[in-house]
């Protein structure tokens, strides 16, 4: 695929604080990227610089082969959608969507509105006002309005963060297919790694104003490469290891035939390592049940070392969870384990 957006060494400061430091990124046509990271890591600042809402303090932005670095927002022709959907309260749904396409003929404009209302499932709401809509419906109107001018690139900054979980999940199931049908490249900012993996082809992890990881969702989860990334993905614990005499590693939960060049390090055991495995190579680990809670459709069990304070989490059927304090031996897929660097 050809490149639509190229960011080269984008930097930005707020006073003496570096918000972004030489961030470089490429986005292909119709590709969807999610930017994730903790609050203050620079992801929204990077989005605003791409949109032209803020000026960077260094670097270059190329969009569809043109240097747009000095251009104001209105000349960049990039779609925007933020958490505050900002619909015009005195306009109907149809009028809100039509706002950005007044240059089209009346016939073409109405056809585009009808197509988008069908696309977002709101034909029945065409003549309603924003106050007459639910939160999820308002966000779908905002999305349709953003798509109306047929932008090649759409920027979304945590657009569903304020919605109820069920509404957010429903939209996250719909939006990727909708964006694919429209062939719109997307950069989606979120602090929720599950949301990022659901909506994007690639997940870009940011930390302290820098891009520290760029991978597709499956690779990111299976090879987080650092404790920081693993924790963003909801893997709370890592396990210390040292090499053993058999070419593998020794951990507080047992020996694992996993070769590593490091003398010591940290091992990631994802909670689903006992569920989603090819069962070709498994290893048994033994520990003590520290706690557990129901996390549909599984129970998530915290397993502590028999000696020491090492822990990891393990998903299993609720009906089979042992009592707290009991010893537990489990099997995990060797291919699901990974070595990570200290954060």
Protein backbone atom coordinates (compact mmCIF):
# COMPACT_ATOMS: atom_id res chain seq x y z
CA UNK A 1 0.00 0.00 0.00
CA UNK A 2 1.15 3.54 -0.73
CA UNK A 3 1.81 6.02 2.02
CA UNK A 4 -0.82 8.67 2.72
CA UNK A 5 0.70 10.40 5.74
CA UNK A 6 4.35 10.67 6.71
CA UNK A 7 5.43 12.29 9.97
CA UNK A 8 9.14 13.02 10.26
CA UNK A 9 10.73 13.98 13.59
CA UNK A 10 7.69 15.83 14.98
CA UNK A 11 8.55 17.68 18.20
CA UNK A 12 6.57 19.97 20.47
CA UNK A 13 7.06 21.68 23.82
CA UNK A 14 4.80 23.35 26.35
CA UNK A 15 7.07 25.88 28.00
CA UNK A 16 10.08 23.87 29.13
CA UNK A 17 8.22 20.55 28.99
CA UNK A 18 8.82 18.32 25.95
CA UNK A 19 5.42 16.96 24.85
CA UNK A 20 6.78 15.26 21.73
CA UNK A 21 10.34 14.34 20.82
CA UNK A 22 11.17 13.51 17.19
CA UNK A 23 8.12 11.31 16.54
CA UNK A 24 8.15 9.66 13.11
CA UNK A 25 5.23 7.66 11.73
CA UNK A 26 3.76 6.55 8.41
CA UNK A 27 0.14 5.76 7.57
CA UNK A 28 -0.94 3.99 4.41
CA UNK A 29 -4.12 4.63 2.42
CA UNK A 30 -7.20 3.11 4.16
CA UNK A 31 -5.07 1.92 7.10
CA UNK A 32 -6.25 2.33 10.69
CA UNK A 33 -3.75 3.22 13.41
CA UNK A 34 -4.49 3.53 17.13
CA UNK A 35 -2.29 5.69 19.35
CA UNK A 36 -2.24 4.46 22.94
CA UNK A 37 -0.37 5.42 26.08
CA UNK A 38 -0.93 6.92 29.52
CA UNK A 39 -2.36 10.41 30.03
CA UNK A 40 0.18 13.08 29.13
CA UNK A 41 2.24 10.85 26.82
CA UNK A 42 1.64 13.14 23.81
CA UNK A 43 -0.88 11.19 21.76
CA UNK A 44 -3.55 13.94 21.61
CA UNK A 45 -0.87 16.59 20.98
CA UNK A 46 0.40 14.57 18.01
CA UNK A 47 -3.16 14.28 16.67
CA UNK A 48 -3.75 18.04 17.00
CA UNK A 49 -0.50 18.78 15.17
CA UNK A 50 -1.53 16.48 12.31
CA UNK A 51 -4.89 18.27 12.18
CA UNK A 52 -3.23 21.69 12.16
CA UNK A 53 -4.86 22.73 15.42
CA UNK A 54 -1.40 23.20 16.94
CA UNK A 55 1.94 24.00 15.35
CA UNK A 56 4.81 21.64 15.98
CA UNK A 57 8.20 22.91 17.10
CA UNK A 58 10.12 20.80 14.65
CA UNK A 59 9.64 18.16 11.99
CA UNK A 60 7.67 17.73 8.79
CA UNK A 61 4.21 16.42 7.83
CA UNK A 62 3.63 15.07 4.34
CA UNK A 63 0.02 14.31 3.37
CA UNK A 64 -0.74 12.59 0.07
CA UNK A 65 2.67 13.64 -1.22
CA UNK A 66 2.38 17.31 -0.20
CA UNK A 67 4.19 19.07 2.63
CA UNK A 68 1.33 20.42 4.80
CA UNK A 69 3.49 21.45 7.76
CA UNK A 70 2.86 25.20 7.31
CA UNK A 71 -0.82 24.88 6.28
CA UNK A 72 -3.66 25.87 8.63
CA UNK A 73 -6.27 23.28 9.60
CA UNK A 74 -8.92 24.39 7.09
CA UNK A 75 -6.55 23.80 4.17
CA UNK A 76 -5.53 20.27 5.16
CA UNK A 77 -8.83 18.56 4.26
CA UNK A 78 -8.55 16.11 7.13
CA UNK A 79 -11.63 14.84 8.95
CA UNK A 80 -11.84 15.40 12.71
CA UNK A 81 -13.96 13.80 15.42
CA UNK A 82 -13.42 14.34 19.13
CA UNK A 83 -14.98 13.15 22.36
CA UNK A 84 -17.05 16.34 22.49
CA UNK A 85 -19.05 15.66 19.33
CA UNK A 86 -20.18 19.36 19.19
CA UNK A 87 -23.25 18.89 17.01
CA UNK A 88 -25.17 22.05 16.23
CA UNK A 89 -28.15 21.86 18.60
CA UNK A 90 -30.43 23.98 16.38
CA UNK A 91 -29.87 21.73 13.35
CA UNK A 92 -31.44 18.38 12.56
CA UNK A 93 -29.35 15.28 11.96
CA UNK A 94 -29.61 15.85 8.23
CA UNK A 95 -28.54 19.47 8.55
CA UNK A 96 -25.59 18.58 10.76
CA UNK A 97 -24.31 16.06 8.25
CA UNK A 98 -24.87 18.48 5.37
CA UNK A 99 -22.87 21.24 7.03
CA UNK A 100 -19.52 20.29 5.48
CA UNK A 101 -20.79 19.47 1.97
CA UNK A 102 -22.68 22.61 0.99
CA UNK A 103 -20.45 22.84 -2.10
CA UNK A 104 -22.18 19.80 -3.62
CA UNK A 105 -25.28 20.11 -5.75
CA UNK A 106 -28.57 19.58 -3.91
CA UNK A 107 -29.02 16.16 -5.51
CA UNK A 108 -25.47 14.98 -4.77
CA UNK A 109 -25.67 16.37 -1.23
CA UNK A 110 -28.91 14.53 -0.45
CA UNK A 111 -27.54 11.30 -1.90
CA UNK A 112 -24.44 11.57 0.27
CA UNK A 113 -26.56 12.25 3.36
CA UNK A 114 -28.83 9.29 2.60
CA UNK A 115 -25.83 7.00 2.08
CA UNK A 116 -24.25 8.06 5.38
CA UNK A 117 -27.50 7.77 7.34
CA UNK A 118 -27.81 4.22 6.05
CA UNK A 119 -24.16 3.54 6.81
CA UNK A 120 -24.48 4.62 10.46
CA UNK A 121 -27.98 3.19 10.89
CA UNK A 122 -29.79 6.47 11.55
CA UNK A 123 -32.23 6.93 8.68
CA UNK A 124 -35.06 6.94 11.21
CA UNK A 125 -33.43 9.91 13.00
CA UNK A 126 -32.92 12.14 9.96
CA UNK A 127 -35.22 14.95 11.14
CA UNK A 128 -34.48 14.77 14.86
CA UNK A 129 -32.40 17.28 16.77
CA UNK A 130 -29.34 16.33 18.87
CA UNK A 131 -31.28 16.73 22.13
CA UNK A 132 -33.65 14.01 20.93
CA UNK A 133 -30.83 11.48 20.43
CA UNK A 134 -29.01 9.11 22.76
CA UNK A 135 -25.28 9.52 23.37
CA UNK A 136 -24.46 6.71 20.97
CA UNK A 137 -26.70 8.17 18.28
CA UNK A 138 -25.07 11.60 18.65
CA UNK A 139 -21.64 10.02 18.21
CA UNK A 140 -22.80 8.26 15.06
CA UNK A 141 -24.10 11.57 13.69
CA UNK A 142 -20.73 13.15 14.48
CA UNK A 143 -19.00 10.31 12.66
CA UNK A 144 -21.29 10.70 9.64
CA UNK A 145 -20.63 14.45 9.60
CA UNK A 146 -16.87 13.80 9.69
CA UNK A 147 -17.14 11.36 6.79
CA UNK A 148 -19.48 13.52 4.68
CA UNK A 149 -16.72 15.41 2.77
CA UNK A 150 -15.09 12.04 1.92
CA UNK A 151 -11.77 12.76 3.65
CA UNK A 152 -8.86 10.47 2.89
CA UNK A 153 -7.84 10.74 6.55
CA UNK A 154 -9.98 10.85 9.70
CA UNK A 155 -8.61 11.73 13.14
CA UNK A 156 -10.53 10.53 16.21
CA UNK A 157 -9.58 11.56 19.75
CA UNK A 158 -11.24 9.21 22.26
CA UNK A 159 -14.64 9.69 20.57
CA UNK A 160 -16.46 7.02 22.59
CA UNK A 161 -14.83 7.51 26.01
CA UNK A 162 -17.90 9.16 27.58
CA UNK A 163 -20.36 6.49 26.43
CA UNK A 164 -21.77 3.60 28.44
CA UNK A 165 -19.80 0.39 28.03
CA UNK A 166 -22.53 -1.42 26.08
CA UNK A 167 -22.96 1.51 23.66
CA UNK A 168 -19.19 1.85 23.24
CA UNK A 169 -18.79 -1.86 22.54
CA UNK A 170 -21.58 -1.70 19.96
CA UNK A 171 -19.96 1.22 18.13
CA UNK A 172 -16.50 -0.35 18.28
CA UNK A 173 -17.94 -3.44 16.60
CA UNK A 174 -19.47 -1.31 13.83
CA UNK A 175 -16.96 1.45 13.18
CA UNK A 176 -14.02 -0.57 11.75
CA UNK A 177 -16.25 -2.09 9.06
CA UNK A 178 -17.78 1.32 8.37
CA UNK A 179 -14.35 2.93 7.92
CA UNK A 180 -13.25 0.04 5.71
CA UNK A 181 -16.28 0.48 3.45
CA UNK A 182 -15.53 4.20 3.16
CA UNK A 183 -11.82 3.47 2.52
CA UNK A 184 -10.82 6.12 5.06
CA UNK A 185 -7.40 6.05 6.67
CA UNK A 186 -7.77 6.63 10.41
CA UNK A 187 -5.70 7.64 13.42
CA UNK A 188 -7.58 6.79 16.60
CA UNK A 189 -6.40 8.06 19.99
CA UNK A 190 -7.37 6.08 23.08
CA UNK A 191 -5.99 5.10 26.48
CA UNK A 192 -7.78 1.74 26.26
CA UNK A 193 -5.57 -0.97 24.72
CA UNK A 194 -8.51 -3.33 24.12
CA UNK A 195 -10.30 -0.58 22.23
CA UNK A 196 -7.16 0.12 20.20
CA UNK A 197 -6.74 -3.53 19.25
CA UNK A 198 -10.40 -3.77 18.26
CA UNK A 199 -10.46 -0.80 15.90
CA UNK A 200 -6.95 -0.65 14.41
CA UNK A 201 -4.73 -2.57 11.99
CA UNK A 202 -1.70 -1.17 13.82
CA UNK A 203 -1.20 -0.04 17.39
CA UNK A 204 1.38 2.66 18.13
CA UNK A 205 2.44 2.92 21.77
CA UNK A 206 3.59 6.28 23.11
CA UNK A 207 5.45 7.10 26.30
CA UNK A 208 6.75 10.47 27.52
CA UNK A 209 6.40 12.08 24.10
CA UNK A 210 8.02 9.28 22.12
CA UNK A 211 6.85 6.34 20.03
CA UNK A 212 8.14 3.19 21.72
CA UNK A 213 6.31 0.39 19.86
CA UNK A 214 4.53 0.00 16.52
CA UNK A 215 2.96 -3.35 15.64
CA UNK A 216 -0.25 -5.07 14.62
CA UNK A 217 -2.50 -5.98 17.58
CA UNK A 218 -1.67 -9.70 17.65
CA UNK A 219 2.10 -9.12 17.51
CA UNK A 220 1.88 -6.42 20.16
CA UNK A 221 0.10 -8.76 22.57
CA UNK A 222 2.24 -11.81 21.86
CA UNK A 223 5.54 -9.87 21.86
CA UNK A 224 5.13 -6.77 24.06
CA UNK A 225 8.94 -6.40 24.35
CA UNK A 226 8.73 -4.35 27.56
CA UNK A 227 6.95 -4.38 30.90
CA UNK A 228 5.50 -0.96 30.07
CA UNK A 229 3.73 -2.25 26.94
CA UNK A 230 2.62 -5.44 28.70
CA UNK A 231 1.03 -3.41 31.49
CA UNK A 232 -0.78 -1.19 28.97
CA UNK A 233 -2.25 -4.38 27.51
CA UNK A 234 -3.58 -5.39 30.92
CA UNK A 235 -0.81 -7.85 31.84
CA UNK A 236 -0.12 -6.61 35.36
CA UNK A 237 2.78 -8.84 36.41
CA UNK A 238 6.07 -10.10 35.04
CA UNK A 239 8.06 -12.97 36.50
CA UNK A 240 11.82 -12.91 37.20
CA UNK A 241 14.01 -15.62 35.72
CA UNK A 242 17.60 -16.84 35.70
CA UNK A 243 19.21 -19.32 33.28
CA UNK A 244 19.28 -22.96 34.42
CA UNK A 245 21.74 -25.73 33.55
CA UNK A 246 19.45 -27.28 30.92
CA UNK A 247 19.47 -24.41 28.44
CA UNK A 248 16.21 -22.95 29.74
CA UNK A 249 15.24 -20.61 32.56
CA UNK A 250 14.41 -21.01 36.22
CA UNK A 251 11.41 -19.08 37.63
CA UNK A 252 9.73 -19.05 41.06
CA UNK A 253 7.01 -21.24 39.50
CA UNK A 254 9.25 -23.88 37.93
CA UNK A 255 11.76 -24.38 35.13
CA UNK A 256 10.79 -23.46 31.57
CA UNK A 257 12.58 -24.73 28.42
CA UNK A 258 12.84 -21.24 26.97
CA UNK A 259 16.23 -20.25 25.62
CA UNK A 260 17.38 -16.69 26.25
CA UNK A 261 20.73 -14.94 25.87
CA UNK A 262 20.14 -12.90 29.02
CA UNK A 263 21.63 -13.87 32.35
CA UNK A 264 18.57 -12.55 34.17
CA UNK A 265 15.37 -10.89 33.06
CA UNK A 266 11.60 -10.78 33.20
CA UNK A 267 9.11 -13.20 31.70
CA UNK A 268 5.57 -12.35 30.59
CA UNK A 269 2.88 -14.97 31.17
CA UNK A 270 -0.32 -13.56 29.62
CA UNK A 271 -3.52 -14.45 31.52
CA UNK A 272 -4.90 -16.43 28.59
CA UNK A 273 -1.73 -18.52 28.13
CA UNK A 274 -3.61 -21.61 29.29
CA UNK A 275 -6.64 -21.01 27.06
CA UNK A 276 -5.46 -19.83 23.66
CA UNK A 277 -2.58 -22.17 22.95
CA UNK A 278 -1.88 -24.67 20.19
CA UNK A 279 -1.21 -27.32 22.89
CA UNK A 280 1.82 -28.55 20.96
CA UNK A 281 4.26 -27.42 23.63
CA UNK A 282 3.04 -26.79 27.16
CA UNK A 283 4.86 -26.31 30.44
CA UNK A 284 3.54 -26.73 33.98
CA UNK A 285 3.85 -24.03 36.62
CA UNK A 286 3.09 -24.35 40.34
CA UNK A 287 2.05 -21.62 42.76
CA UNK A 288 -0.41 -20.55 45.43
CA UNK A 289 -3.86 -19.06 44.72
CA UNK A 290 -3.68 -15.50 46.07
CA UNK A 291 -7.01 -14.12 44.84
CA UNK A 292 -9.56 -14.45 42.06
CA UNK A 293 -12.51 -12.62 40.55
CA UNK A 294 -15.01 -13.24 37.78
CA UNK A 295 -14.05 -11.61 34.47
CA UNK A 296 -16.62 -12.83 31.97
CA UNK A 297 -16.49 -15.38 30.55
CA UNK A 298 -13.59 -16.58 32.73
CA UNK A 299 -12.34 -16.29 36.27
CA UNK A 300 -9.04 -14.44 36.60
CA UNK A 301 -6.82 -16.02 39.23
CA UNK A 302 -3.74 -14.38 40.76
CA UNK A 303 -1.10 -17.04 41.40
CA UNK A 304 1.77 -16.30 43.78
CA UNK A 305 5.08 -18.11 44.14
CA UNK A 306 5.38 -20.74 46.86
CA UNK A 307 8.45 -18.80 48.05
CA UNK A 308 8.86 -15.09 47.30
CA UNK A 309 6.52 -12.39 46.07
CA UNK A 310 6.40 -13.13 42.32
CA UNK A 311 2.91 -13.28 40.80
CA UNK A 312 1.09 -13.74 37.52
CA UNK A 313 -2.55 -13.97 36.44
CA UNK A 314 -4.30 -16.93 34.87
CA UNK A 315 -7.73 -17.23 33.24
CA UNK A 316 -9.78 -20.38 33.79
CA UNK A 317 -13.43 -21.53 34.13
CA UNK A 318 -15.09 -20.09 37.23
CA UNK A 319 -16.34 -23.50 38.36
CA UNK A 320 -12.80 -24.89 38.59
CA UNK A 321 -11.14 -22.15 40.64
CA UNK A 322 -9.40 -23.60 43.76
CA UNK A 323 -9.75 -22.02 47.17
CA UNK A 324 -7.55 -19.08 48.09
CA UNK A 325 -4.36 -20.32 49.73
CA UNK A 326 -4.37 -23.69 47.99
CA UNK A 327 -1.53 -24.89 45.77
CA UNK A 328 -2.25 -24.99 42.07
CA UNK A 329 -0.39 -26.53 39.12
CA UNK A 330 -1.36 -25.27 35.68
CA UNK A 331 -0.32 -25.78 32.08
CA UNK A 332 0.51 -22.86 29.78
CA UNK A 333 1.51 -22.73 26.14
CA UNK A 334 5.24 -22.27 25.73
CA UNK A 335 4.66 -20.25 22.56
CA UNK A 336 2.62 -17.73 24.57
CA UNK A 337 5.51 -16.78 26.87
CA UNK A 338 7.85 -13.90 26.06
CA UNK A 339 10.93 -12.21 27.45
CA UNK A 340 10.62 -8.45 28.05
CA UNK A 341 12.97 -5.63 28.87
CA UNK A 342 12.72 -3.73 32.15
CA UNK A 343 10.63 -0.56 31.83
